[in-house]
Amino acid sequence: MANEEFCYTCDRFEPHRRLDEREAAWLKGRLGRASVNEFLVCLAPGCRNLRTGGNKRPFDSTIRVPVFD
């Protein structure tokens, strides 16, 4: 289920959702963390930027979730 959240990459409110299993596994490997449950992915076309529920810019550099087929 997607919720409207502000995306600093898009500079507007866009739908965001929790990471699916493959996305979460990818992000755990990228960050070296055991849990990434707090992250949301922007669903705007071409964006896929990450944010948390409370922090719209959790990383210094943008991290975009790849599209897994």
Protein backbone atom coordinates (compact mmCIF):
# COMPACT_ATOMS: atom_id res chain seq x y z
CA MET A 1 0.00 0.00 0.00
CA ALA A 2 1.40 3.39 -1.01
CA ASN A 3 1.24 6.56 1.08
CA GLU A 4 1.89 10.12 -0.07
CA GLU A 5 5.24 11.32 1.33
CA PHE A 6 7.54 14.17 0.35
CA CYS A 7 10.38 13.11 -1.95
CA TYR A 8 13.36 15.50 -1.89
CA THR A 9 14.57 14.12 -5.23
CA CYS A 10 11.23 14.82 -6.95
CA ASP A 11 10.72 17.95 -4.80
CA ARG A 12 7.03 17.13 -4.30
CA PHE A 13 4.70 14.68 -2.60
CA GLU A 14 4.68 11.29 -4.32
CA PRO A 15 3.44 7.79 -3.41
CA HIS A 16 5.91 5.74 -1.35
CA ARG A 17 5.75 2.15 -0.13
CA ARG A 18 7.74 -0.21 2.07
CA LEU A 19 10.48 -2.25 0.43
CA ASP A 20 9.64 -5.69 -0.88
CA GLU A 21 11.80 -8.73 -0.03
CA ARG A 22 14.28 -8.37 -2.90
CA GLU A 23 14.67 -4.63 -2.40
CA ALA A 24 15.22 -5.09 1.34
CA ALA A 25 17.86 -7.78 0.74
CA TRP A 26 19.65 -5.49 -1.74
CA LEU A 27 19.61 -2.54 0.70
CA LYS A 28 20.81 -4.69 3.62
CA GLY A 29 23.80 -5.72 1.50
CA ARG A 30 24.44 -2.15 0.36
CA LEU A 31 24.29 -0.69 3.88
CA GLY A 32 25.62 -3.70 5.83
CA ARG A 33 22.63 -3.56 8.16
CA ALA A 34 20.55 -6.36 9.63
CA SER A 35 17.27 -4.43 9.27
CA VAL A 36 15.96 -1.90 6.77
CA ASN A 37 12.29 -1.98 7.79
CA GLU A 38 12.12 1.81 8.28
CA PHE A 39 12.81 2.64 4.63
CA LEU A 40 10.28 3.66 1.99
CA VAL A 41 10.81 3.82 -1.78
CA CYS A 42 9.39 6.61 -3.98
CA LEU A 43 7.11 5.26 -6.71
CA ALA A 44 7.31 8.26 -9.05
CA PRO A 45 8.40 7.21 -12.57
CA GLY A 46 12.20 7.09 -12.73
CA CYS A 47 12.79 8.05 -9.08
CA ARG A 48 12.90 5.09 -6.62
CA ASN A 49 14.67 7.25 -4.02
CA LEU A 50 14.79 6.05 -0.41
CA ARG A 51 13.55 7.81 2.70
CA THR A 52 12.45 6.77 6.16
CA GLY A 53 9.11 7.54 7.74
CA GLY A 54 10.63 10.39 9.75
CA ASN A 55 13.56 11.50 7.61
CA LYS A 56 13.05 12.53 4.00
CA ARG A 57 16.82 12.65 3.38
CA PRO A 58 18.49 9.86 5.37
CA PHE A 59 21.67 9.71 3.23
CA ASP A 60 24.15 12.37 2.09
CA SER A 61 24.06 10.97 -1.44
CA THR A 62 20.86 9.73 -3.05
CA ILE A 63 20.36 5.97 -2.97
CA ARG A 64 17.92 4.69 -5.55
CA VAL A 65 16.52 1.18 -5.37
CA PRO A 66 17.07 -0.76 -8.60
CA VAL A 67 14.14 -2.35 -10.39
CA PHE A 68 14.21 -6.11 -10.02
CA ASP A 69 12.43 -8.13 -12.71
